[in-house]
């Protein structure tokens, strides 16, 4: 999200209220169901592929 300018803060690895706000904005801007989940659909819209 930082590379796509959706997270202006320092990366700390904590999913807090600030990060939640940016996740929801990213979802809204990309026409993904508005919630604060980070799932496969979210990663795909970031251009990432999940692997096991």
N, C-alpha and C. Protein backbone atom coordinates (compact mmCIF):
# COMPACT_ATOMS: atom_id res chain seq x y z
N UNK A 1 0.82 -1.17 0.00
CA UNK A 1 0.00 0.00 0.00
C UNK A 1 0.87 1.24 0.00
N UNK A 2 2.01 1.19 0.63
CA UNK A 2 2.90 2.35 0.66
C UNK A 2 3.36 2.70 -0.75
N UNK A 3 3.69 1.70 -1.55
CA UNK A 3 4.14 1.95 -2.93
C UNK A 3 3.05 2.57 -3.78
N UNK A 4 1.79 2.35 -3.44
CA UNK A 4 0.66 2.91 -4.19
C UNK A 4 0.14 4.19 -3.52
N UNK A 5 0.91 4.73 -2.58
CA UNK A 5 0.59 5.98 -1.88
C UNK A 5 -0.68 5.90 -1.04
N UNK A 6 -0.98 4.73 -0.51
CA UNK A 6 -2.14 4.58 0.37
C UNK A 6 -1.75 4.53 1.84
N UNK A 7 -0.48 4.52 2.13
CA UNK A 7 -0.04 4.49 3.53
C UNK A 7 1.13 5.44 3.69
N UNK A 8 0.88 6.66 4.19
CA UNK A 8 1.92 7.67 4.27
C UNK A 8 2.86 7.52 5.47
N UNK A 9 2.47 6.73 6.45
CA UNK A 9 3.26 6.62 7.67
C UNK A 9 4.43 5.66 7.54
N UNK A 10 5.16 5.52 8.65
CA UNK A 10 6.25 4.56 8.71
C UNK A 10 5.67 3.16 8.88
N UNK A 11 6.28 2.20 8.22
CA UNK A 11 5.82 0.82 8.33
C UNK A 11 6.30 0.24 9.65
N UNK A 12 5.36 -0.27 10.46
CA UNK A 12 5.73 -0.82 11.76
C UNK A 12 5.22 -2.24 11.97
N UNK A 13 4.50 -2.78 10.98
CA UNK A 13 4.00 -4.14 11.09
C UNK A 13 2.76 -4.29 11.96
N UNK A 14 2.22 -3.18 12.43
CA UNK A 14 1.04 -3.22 13.29
C UNK A 14 -0.19 -2.79 12.49
N UNK A 15 -1.24 -3.61 12.57
CA UNK A 15 -2.49 -3.28 11.88
C UNK A 15 -3.38 -2.53 12.87
N UNK A 16 -3.15 -1.23 12.96
CA UNK A 16 -3.91 -0.40 13.88
C UNK A 16 -5.02 0.36 13.18
N UNK A 17 -5.59 1.31 13.90
CA UNK A 17 -6.71 2.09 13.36
C UNK A 17 -6.31 2.90 12.13
N UNK A 18 -5.09 3.42 12.11
CA UNK A 18 -4.64 4.18 10.94
C UNK A 18 -4.58 3.31 9.70
N UNK A 19 -3.99 2.14 9.83
CA UNK A 19 -3.89 1.21 8.70
C UNK A 19 -5.27 0.79 8.24
N UNK A 20 -6.16 0.54 9.18
CA UNK A 20 -7.54 0.14 8.85
C UNK A 20 -8.19 1.20 7.96
N UNK A 21 -7.98 2.46 8.28
CA UNK A 21 -8.55 3.57 7.51
C UNK A 21 -8.03 3.54 6.07
N UNK A 22 -6.74 3.26 5.89
CA UNK A 22 -6.15 3.22 4.54
C UNK A 22 -6.60 1.99 3.76
N UNK A 23 -6.81 0.88 4.46
CA UNK A 23 -7.31 -0.33 3.80
C UNK A 23 -8.71 -0.06 3.26
N UNK A 24 -9.55 0.56 4.06
CA UNK A 24 -10.92 0.86 3.62
C UNK A 24 -10.89 1.83 2.43
N UNK A 25 -10.03 2.84 2.47
CA UNK A 25 -9.93 3.78 1.34
C UNK A 25 -9.47 3.07 0.08
N UNK A 26 -8.46 2.21 0.20
CA UNK A 26 -7.97 1.46 -0.96
C UNK A 26 -9.08 0.61 -1.54
N UNK A 27 -9.84 -0.08 -0.69
CA UNK A 27 -10.94 -0.92 -1.15
C UNK A 27 -11.98 -0.08 -1.88
N UNK A 28 -12.35 1.05 -1.31
CA UNK A 28 -13.35 1.92 -1.93
C UNK A 28 -12.87 2.41 -3.29
N UNK A 29 -11.64 2.88 -3.36
CA UNK A 29 -11.08 3.41 -4.61
C UNK A 29 -10.95 2.34 -5.69
N UNK A 30 -10.87 1.07 -5.30
CA UNK A 30 -10.70 -0.02 -6.25
C UNK A 30 -11.95 -0.87 -6.42
N UNK A 31 -13.09 -0.34 -5.96
CA UNK A 31 -14.39 -1.00 -6.10
C UNK A 31 -14.40 -2.41 -5.52
N UNK A 32 -13.76 -2.56 -4.37
CA UNK A 32 -13.78 -3.82 -3.63
C UNK A 32 -14.74 -3.61 -2.46
N UNK A 33 -15.42 -4.66 -2.05
CA UNK A 33 -16.34 -4.58 -0.91
C UNK A 33 -15.67 -3.80 0.22
N UNK A 34 -16.37 -2.77 0.72
CA UNK A 34 -15.80 -1.93 1.77
C UNK A 34 -15.85 -2.60 3.13
N UNK A 35 -14.69 -3.01 3.59
CA UNK A 35 -14.48 -3.54 4.92
C UNK A 35 -13.00 -3.38 5.21
N UNK A 36 -12.54 -3.83 6.33
CA UNK A 36 -11.12 -3.64 6.65
C UNK A 36 -10.33 -4.94 6.56
N UNK A 37 -10.90 -5.96 5.91
CA UNK A 37 -10.20 -7.23 5.74
C UNK A 37 -9.10 -7.13 4.69
N UNK A 38 -8.02 -7.84 4.94
CA UNK A 38 -6.96 -7.99 3.94
C UNK A 38 -7.01 -9.46 3.53
N UNK A 39 -7.54 -9.70 2.33
CA UNK A 39 -7.73 -11.06 1.86
C UNK A 39 -7.17 -11.21 0.44
N UNK A 40 -7.45 -12.34 -0.18
CA UNK A 40 -6.91 -12.62 -1.51
C UNK A 40 -7.31 -11.53 -2.51
N UNK A 41 -8.57 -11.13 -2.51
CA UNK A 41 -9.04 -10.09 -3.43
C UNK A 41 -8.27 -8.78 -3.21
N UNK A 42 -8.01 -8.45 -1.97
CA UNK A 42 -7.26 -7.24 -1.64
C UNK A 42 -5.85 -7.31 -2.21
N UNK A 43 -5.16 -8.43 -1.95
CA UNK A 43 -3.80 -8.61 -2.47
C UNK A 43 -3.78 -8.55 -4.00
N UNK A 44 -4.76 -9.17 -4.64
CA UNK A 44 -4.81 -9.16 -6.10
C UNK A 44 -4.94 -7.74 -6.64
N UNK A 45 -5.72 -6.91 -5.97
CA UNK A 45 -5.86 -5.52 -6.39
C UNK A 45 -4.60 -4.70 -6.14
N UNK A 46 -3.76 -5.17 -5.25
CA UNK A 46 -2.46 -4.54 -5.04
C UNK A 46 -1.45 -5.02 -6.08
N UNK A 47 -1.84 -6.05 -6.86
CA UNK A 47 -0.94 -6.61 -7.86
C UNK A 47 -0.05 -7.70 -7.29
N UNK A 48 -0.48 -8.28 -6.17
CA UNK A 48 0.31 -9.32 -5.51
C UNK A 48 -0.38 -10.68 -5.66
N UNK A 49 0.40 -11.74 -5.65
CA UNK A 49 -0.12 -13.09 -5.71
C UNK A 49 0.27 -13.82 -4.44
N UNK A 50 -0.70 -14.41 -3.77
CA UNK A 50 -0.42 -15.19 -2.56
C UNK A 50 0.04 -16.58 -2.94
N UNK A 51 1.01 -17.09 -2.24
CA UNK A 51 1.48 -18.46 -2.45
C UNK A 51 1.51 -19.17 -1.10
N UNK A 52 1.35 -20.47 -1.16
CA UNK A 52 1.40 -21.27 0.08
C UNK A 52 2.80 -21.69 0.39
